[in-house]
Amino acid sequence: MTDTTMPRPPFDPELDVFLTAMAAHGRPTLTTAMLPHMRQLETPLDELDARLHARGLERRSITVPGHRGDPIELAVIQRAGRTGTAPAFVTFHGGGMVFGHHLGNLESYDDWLLTHDVVLVSVDYRLAPEYPDPYPVEDCYAGLVWVAEHADELGVDPERIVIAGQSAGAGLAAGTALLARDRNGPPLIGQVLVSPMLDDTLGTVSAAQFDGVGTADTTMTRFGWDALLGDRRGGEDVSVYAAPARASDLTGLPRTYVDCGSAEVFRDETVAYASRLWAAGVDAELHVWPGAFHGFTGMQPAAALSVSAVRALAAWTERLLAD
């Protein structure tokens, strides 16, 4: 339940128009029964491929071993007719650990990533509650390992791999980076964490400020963590790979881009994680976008604040790939 007496940062006026329109339709409570619909790809595959083709891109799917050897799918997206060796970006979609699709929101990569000659690999990790921890993060790690081990087949440089995600996908990217470090797995040159879902305890000020407000709120976040962790949520028996905010050692992690909105539930855990990356000697760039709600760049891409956020990520990516 929202505490209406608790002060919170205001939403950006341009973005608030979207929230006002959304609120007019009511705020549904996320339930397990809603998940099958929320996991569907909204665009038919032939239409999706036509859109990619119009942007000079092509897609193919590969089935690879996931956690425990079970099959998972990777989508490989690159410039049509590309030859030679390119950096790989292994990506993980958002959806609170419980919904979303690995081919959804591909347009979100257009203005900062797919302007470069890279290979984008989107991992179809399995979702909670049917597949609770450690399935999601282990599927993501398995996808990363497969890409590195099949670099020649994919035409990618195994020494130039970046992982990226948004929301739950960013939390999984952070967990995957920790797994890669601790298992001496594939070397990473960077990680992109956009509004990451990192902290299962839900004990931050921003978690209290944004319950029943904005887009993804604390109630929805709690649903996702409960689905992933069950009774372990908030207790002592939670892996740092599932909830990276719990990691005590962030040394040895790759160069990191991390951002969030000032008016979103994940703000405080994001800022804390960036601060701890700096304390561990990691090259990290943090942006907190004033008045931004969770997922603002995807929901309101033409808003001035969204344009600024994408430009900042594009500039970071340009510098990363130039090194």
Protein backbone atom coordinates (compact mmCIF):
# COMPACT_ATOMS: atom_id res chain seq x y z
CA MET A 1 0.00 0.00 0.00
CA THR A 2 1.33 3.42 -0.93
CA ASP A 3 2.34 5.74 1.91
CA THR A 4 0.85 8.99 0.63
CA THR A 5 2.57 10.97 3.41
CA MET A 6 6.08 9.95 2.36
CA PRO A 7 7.85 12.56 0.22
CA ARG A 8 9.31 11.39 -3.07
CA PRO A 9 10.99 13.01 -6.06
CA PRO A 10 8.57 14.35 -8.68
CA PHE A 11 8.23 12.78 -12.09
CA ASP A 12 9.59 14.65 -15.08
CA PRO A 13 6.62 16.67 -16.43
CA GLU A 14 6.91 15.21 -19.93
CA LEU A 15 7.07 11.65 -18.58
CA ASP A 16 4.27 12.29 -16.11
CA VAL A 17 1.82 12.70 -18.99
CA PHE A 18 2.38 9.02 -19.80
CA LEU A 19 1.89 7.97 -16.18
CA THR A 20 -1.31 9.98 -15.89
CA ALA A 21 -2.71 8.29 -18.99
CA MET A 22 -1.67 4.88 -17.68
CA ALA A 23 -3.26 5.53 -14.28
CA ALA A 24 -6.56 6.41 -15.96
CA HIS A 25 -6.86 2.75 -17.00
CA GLY A 26 -6.36 1.50 -13.45
CA ARG A 27 -3.42 -0.34 -11.93
CA PRO A 28 -3.77 -4.14 -12.15
CA THR A 29 -2.15 -6.33 -9.53
CA LEU A 30 0.28 -8.82 -11.06
CA THR A 31 -0.85 -12.43 -10.60
CA THR A 32 0.46 -15.80 -11.73
CA ALA A 33 -2.56 -16.17 -14.02
CA MET A 34 -1.41 -13.11 -15.99
CA LEU A 35 2.06 -14.45 -16.75
CA PRO A 36 1.37 -16.57 -19.87
CA HIS A 37 -0.01 -13.54 -21.69
CA MET A 38 2.83 -11.30 -20.47
CA ARG A 39 5.40 -13.77 -21.83
CA GLN A 40 4.10 -13.69 -25.38
CA LEU A 41 5.90 -11.88 -28.16
CA GLU A 42 3.56 -9.09 -29.25
CA THR A 43 4.91 -8.98 -32.81
CA PRO A 44 4.58 -12.02 -35.13
CA LEU A 45 7.98 -13.43 -36.05
CA ASP A 46 7.61 -12.70 -39.76
CA GLU A 47 6.76 -9.09 -39.00
CA LEU A 48 9.66 -8.86 -36.54
CA ASP A 49 12.07 -10.18 -39.16
CA ALA A 50 10.69 -7.75 -41.75
CA ARG A 51 11.33 -4.86 -39.35
CA LEU A 52 14.87 -6.07 -38.73
CA HIS A 53 15.47 -6.47 -42.46
CA ALA A 54 14.27 -2.91 -43.06
CA ARG A 55 16.99 -1.78 -40.64
CA GLY A 56 19.64 -3.85 -42.43
CA LEU A 57 19.63 -6.62 -39.82
CA GLU A 58 19.05 -10.35 -39.82
CA ARG A 59 18.07 -12.85 -37.11
CA ARG A 60 18.63 -16.53 -36.55
CA SER A 61 17.93 -18.80 -33.60
CA ILE A 62 20.21 -21.40 -32.06
CA THR A 63 19.35 -24.02 -29.44
CA VAL A 64 22.11 -24.49 -26.87
CA PRO A 65 22.51 -26.22 -23.49
CA GLY A 66 21.25 -24.15 -20.56
CA HIS A 67 21.34 -24.93 -16.84
CA ARG A 68 21.76 -28.68 -16.25
CA GLY A 69 22.09 -29.17 -19.99
CA ASP A 70 18.45 -28.42 -20.73
CA PRO A 71 17.90 -26.69 -24.09
CA ILE A 72 17.45 -22.93 -24.26
CA GLU A 73 17.32 -20.63 -27.26
CA LEU A 74 19.65 -17.84 -28.30
CA ALA A 75 18.65 -15.22 -30.86
CA VAL A 76 21.56 -13.93 -32.92
CA ILE A 77 21.02 -10.52 -34.52
CA GLN A 78 23.57 -8.82 -36.74
CA ARG A 79 23.98 -6.77 -39.88
CA ALA A 80 22.80 -8.67 -42.94
CA GLY A 81 25.73 -10.18 -44.80
CA ARG A 82 28.22 -9.27 -42.10
CA THR A 83 31.67 -10.83 -42.43
CA GLY A 84 34.75 -10.81 -40.27
CA THR A 85 35.01 -10.72 -36.50
CA ALA A 86 32.95 -8.42 -34.29
CA PRO A 87 32.37 -7.76 -30.59
CA ALA A 88 29.48 -9.68 -29.03
CA PHE A 89 26.82 -8.23 -26.76
CA VAL A 90 25.04 -10.96 -24.78
CA THR A 91 21.73 -9.54 -23.57
CA PHE A 92 19.07 -10.48 -21.04
CA HIS A 93 15.50 -9.14 -21.23
CA GLY A 94 13.55 -7.54 -18.40
CA GLY A 95 10.30 -8.68 -16.81
CA GLY A 96 10.77 -9.03 -13.07
CA MET A 97 12.18 -12.58 -13.45
CA VAL A 98 8.68 -13.79 -14.36
CA PHE A 99 7.64 -12.35 -17.74
CA GLY A 100 8.99 -10.79 -20.91
CA HIS A 101 10.38 -12.27 -24.14
CA HIS A 102 13.92 -12.45 -25.44
CA LEU A 103 12.83 -10.98 -28.78
CA GLY A 104 10.81 -8.16 -27.26
CA ASN A 105 11.88 -4.52 -27.43
CA LEU A 106 14.68 -5.09 -29.93
CA GLU A 107 14.24 -1.49 -31.07
CA SER A 108 15.70 -0.41 -27.74
CA TYR A 109 19.14 -1.42 -29.05
CA ASP A 110 18.92 0.65 -32.23
CA ASP A 111 20.36 4.01 -31.21
CA TRP A 112 23.21 2.91 -28.96
CA LEU A 113 24.27 -0.59 -30.00
CA LEU A 114 23.09 -1.70 -33.44
CA THR A 115 24.65 1.37 -35.01
CA HIS A 116 27.91 -0.56 -34.52
CA ASP A 117 29.07 -3.70 -36.30
CA VAL A 118 28.38 -6.04 -33.40
CA VAL A 119 26.68 -9.39 -32.86
CA LEU A 120 23.78 -9.20 -30.43
CA VAL A 121 22.90 -12.49 -28.73
CA SER A 122 19.66 -12.48 -26.71
CA VAL A 123 19.30 -15.34 -24.21
CA ASP A 124 15.89 -16.96 -23.72
CA TYR A 125 16.48 -17.75 -20.05
CA ARG A 126 13.80 -19.67 -18.18
CA LEU A 127 11.44 -17.80 -15.91
CA ALA A 128 10.19 -18.13 -12.34
CA PRO A 129 8.11 -19.42 -10.67
CA GLU A 130 8.24 -22.54 -12.88
CA TYR A 131 12.02 -22.23 -12.96
CA PRO A 132 13.16 -20.56 -9.73
CA ASP A 133 16.69 -19.63 -8.75
CA PRO A 134 19.25 -20.64 -9.91
CA TYR A 135 17.70 -21.38 -13.33
CA PRO A 136 17.50 -17.80 -14.70
CA VAL A 137 21.04 -16.71 -13.90
CA GLU A 138 22.54 -20.12 -14.71
CA ASP A 139 20.78 -20.08 -18.10
CA CYS A 140 22.25 -16.63 -18.73
CA TYR A 141 25.72 -17.81 -17.78
CA ALA A 142 25.35 -20.90 -19.97
CA GLY A 143 24.42 -18.66 -22.89
CA LEU A 144 27.49 -16.51 -22.28
CA VAL A 145 29.77 -19.57 -22.11
CA TRP A 146 28.30 -20.97 -25.34
CA VAL A 147 28.94 -17.69 -27.16
CA ALA A 148 32.55 -17.60 -26.00
CA GLU A 149 33.16 -21.25 -26.87
CA HIS A 150 31.58 -20.87 -30.32
CA ALA A 151 33.11 -17.51 -31.17
CA ASP A 152 34.49 -18.72 -34.47
CA GLU A 153 31.09 -20.07 -35.53
CA LEU A 154 29.43 -16.77 -34.62
CA GLY A 155 32.15 -14.57 -36.07
CA VAL A 156 32.80 -12.82 -32.76
CA ASP A 157 35.94 -11.97 -30.84
CA PRO A 158 35.95 -14.03 -27.60
CA GLU A 159 38.09 -11.33 -25.99
CA ARG A 160 35.48 -8.61 -26.73
CA ILE A 161 32.27 -9.74 -25.07
CA VAL A 162 29.88 -7.40 -23.23
CA ILE A 163 26.80 -8.39 -21.25
CA ALA A 164 23.76 -6.13 -20.99
CA GLY A 165 20.30 -6.07 -19.49
CA GLN A 166 17.48 -3.89 -18.27
CA SER A 167 15.57 -4.29 -14.98
CA ALA A 168 15.53 -8.00 -14.09
CA GLY A 169 17.77 -8.59 -17.09
CA ALA A 170 20.28 -6.12 -15.65
CA GLY A 171 20.19 -7.96 -12.33
CA LEU A 172 20.87 -11.18 -14.22
CA ALA A 173 23.72 -9.47 -16.09
CA ALA A 174 25.26 -8.43 -12.78
CA GLY A 175 24.89 -11.98 -11.45
CA THR A 176 26.33 -13.42 -14.66
CA ALA A 177 29.36 -11.14 -14.40
CA LEU A 178 29.96 -12.39 -10.86
CA LEU A 179 29.67 -16.00 -12.04
CA ALA A 180 32.10 -15.37 -14.88
CA ARG A 181 34.59 -13.84 -12.46
CA ASP A 182 34.26 -16.55 -9.81
CA ARG A 183 34.34 -19.49 -12.24
CA ASN A 184 37.14 -18.09 -14.37
CA GLY A 185 34.65 -17.96 -17.19
CA PRO A 186 34.64 -15.88 -20.36
CA PRO A 187 36.44 -12.54 -19.97
CA LEU A 188 34.15 -9.54 -20.24
CA ILE A 189 35.12 -6.08 -21.41
CA GLY A 190 31.94 -4.47 -20.09
CA GLN A 191 28.52 -4.78 -18.55
CA VAL A 192 25.49 -2.56 -19.11
CA LEU A 193 23.08 -2.44 -16.16
CA VAL A 194 19.99 -0.34 -16.92
CA SER A 195 17.77 0.09 -13.84
CA PRO A 196 18.99 -3.20 -12.36
CA MET A 197 16.90 -5.39 -10.04
CA LEU A 198 19.56 -6.31 -7.47
CA ASP A 199 18.18 -6.36 -3.91
CA ASP A 200 15.68 -8.97 -2.72
CA THR A 201 15.30 -7.37 0.72
CA LEU A 202 13.23 -4.43 -0.61
CA GLY A 203 14.54 -2.38 2.28
CA THR A 204 15.58 0.81 0.53
CA VAL A 205 14.01 4.25 0.78
CA SER A 206 13.13 4.19 -2.94
CA ALA A 207 11.33 0.87 -2.46
CA ALA A 208 9.16 2.54 0.16
CA GLN A 209 8.63 5.66 -1.96
CA PHE A 210 7.48 3.91 -5.13
CA ASP A 211 4.90 1.33 -4.13
CA GLY A 212 1.70 1.80 -6.10
CA VAL A 213 3.36 4.65 -8.00
CA GLY A 214 4.98 4.71 -11.42
CA THR A 215 5.42 1.64 -13.60
CA ALA A 216 7.27 -1.22 -11.90
CA ASP A 217 6.67 -0.72 -8.18
CA THR A 218 7.57 -2.49 -4.94
CA THR A 219 4.55 -4.79 -4.99
CA MET A 220 5.44 -6.01 -8.48
CA THR A 221 9.08 -6.35 -7.50
CA ARG A 222 8.15 -8.39 -4.42
CA PHE A 223 6.08 -10.69 -6.63
CA GLY A 224 9.12 -11.30 -8.83
CA TRP A 225 11.52 -11.95 -5.97
CA ASP A 226 9.03 -14.27 -4.25
CA ALA A 227 8.61 -16.22 -7.49
CA LEU A 228 12.39 -16.50 -7.89
CA LEU A 229 13.40 -17.20 -4.29
CA GLY A 230 10.27 -18.39 -2.48
CA ASP A 231 10.59 -18.41 1.30
CA ARG A 232 14.29 -17.60 1.05
CA ARG A 233 13.61 -14.00 -0.07
CA GLY A 234 15.07 -11.56 2.43
CA GLY A 235 16.73 -14.34 4.44
CA GLU A 236 20.31 -15.49 4.77
CA ASP A 237 20.17 -18.30 2.20
CA VAL A 238 20.24 -16.17 -0.96
CA SER A 239 23.08 -16.37 -3.48
CA VAL A 240 24.94 -13.26 -4.57
CA TYR A 241 24.39 -14.42 -8.14
CA ALA A 242 20.61 -14.25 -7.65
CA ALA A 243 20.69 -10.95 -5.75
CA PRO A 244 23.97 -9.16 -6.58
CA ALA A 245 23.31 -6.41 -4.01
CA ARG A 246 24.37 -9.04 -1.45
CA ALA A 247 27.84 -9.48 -2.95
CA SER A 248 30.55 -8.34 -0.52
CA ASP A 249 33.33 -8.45 -3.12
CA LEU A 250 32.92 -6.55 -6.40
CA THR A 251 36.60 -6.53 -7.34
CA GLY A 252 37.61 -7.82 -10.72
CA LEU A 253 34.38 -6.92 -12.47
CA PRO A 254 34.43 -5.37 -15.96
CA ARG A 255 33.93 -1.77 -16.94
CA THR A 256 30.32 -0.93 -16.11
CA TYR A 257 27.59 1.41 -17.29
CA VAL A 258 24.77 1.71 -14.77
CA ASP A 259 21.76 4.00 -14.69
CA CYS A 260 18.30 4.46 -13.19
CA GLY A 261 15.66 7.12 -12.63
CA SER A 262 15.42 9.28 -9.54
CA ALA A 263 11.71 8.40 -9.37
CA GLU A 264 11.83 4.62 -9.48
CA VAL A 265 11.84 1.68 -7.12
CA PHE A 266 15.38 0.48 -8.00
CA ARG A 267 17.08 3.87 -7.54
CA ASP A 268 18.80 3.29 -4.21
CA GLU A 269 20.05 -0.23 -4.87
CA THR A 270 21.43 0.97 -8.22
CA VAL A 271 23.30 3.91 -6.70
CA ALA A 272 24.62 1.73 -3.87
CA TYR A 273 25.89 -0.87 -6.33
CA ALA A 274 27.69 1.77 -8.39
CA SER A 275 29.29 3.17 -5.24
CA ARG A 276 30.51 -0.27 -4.24
CA LEU A 277 31.89 -0.86 -7.74
CA TRP A 278 33.96 2.31 -7.34
CA ALA A 279 35.06 1.20 -3.87
CA ALA A 280 36.25 -2.06 -5.45
CA GLY A 281 38.28 -0.17 -8.05
CA VAL A 282 35.95 -0.90 -10.97
CA ASP A 283 35.59 1.60 -13.84
CA ALA A 284 31.90 2.46 -13.50
CA GLU A 285 29.76 5.23 -14.97
CA LEU A 286 26.51 6.08 -13.14
CA HIS A 287 23.58 8.18 -14.34
CA VAL A 288 20.50 8.97 -12.26
CA TRP A 289 17.95 10.59 -14.55
CA PRO A 290 15.92 13.24 -12.70
CA GLY A 291 12.20 12.50 -12.61
CA ALA A 292 12.50 9.29 -14.63
CA PHE A 293 10.29 6.29 -13.88
CA HIS A 294 11.32 2.67 -14.40
CA GLY A 295 11.61 1.78 -18.08
CA PHE A 296 11.12 5.35 -19.28
CA THR A 297 13.33 5.10 -22.38
CA GLY A 298 11.29 2.22 -23.78
CA MET A 299 7.87 3.59 -22.87
CA GLN A 300 8.52 7.21 -23.85
CA PRO A 301 11.45 7.08 -26.29
CA ALA A 302 10.78 10.52 -27.78
CA ALA A 303 10.82 12.33 -24.43
CA ALA A 304 13.77 14.69 -23.98
CA LEU A 305 15.01 12.80 -20.91
CA SER A 306 14.85 9.48 -22.78
CA VAL A 307 16.84 10.91 -25.68
CA SER A 308 19.49 12.16 -23.25
CA ALA A 309 19.69 8.77 -21.52
CA VAL A 310 20.14 6.86 -24.76
CA ARG A 311 22.77 9.34 -25.95
CA ALA A 312 24.75 8.86 -22.73
CA LEU A 313 24.69 5.08 -23.16
CA ALA A 314 25.64 5.46 -26.82
CA ALA A 315 28.63 7.62 -25.88
CA TRP A 316 29.79 5.08 -23.29
CA THR A 317 29.41 2.25 -25.82
CA GLU A 318 31.36 4.22 -28.42
CA ARG A 319 34.25 4.68 -25.98
CA LEU A 320 34.16 1.04 -24.93
CA LEU A 321 34.34 -0.26 -28.47
CA ALA A 322 37.04 2.25 -29.43
CA ASP A 323 39.45 0.92 -26.80
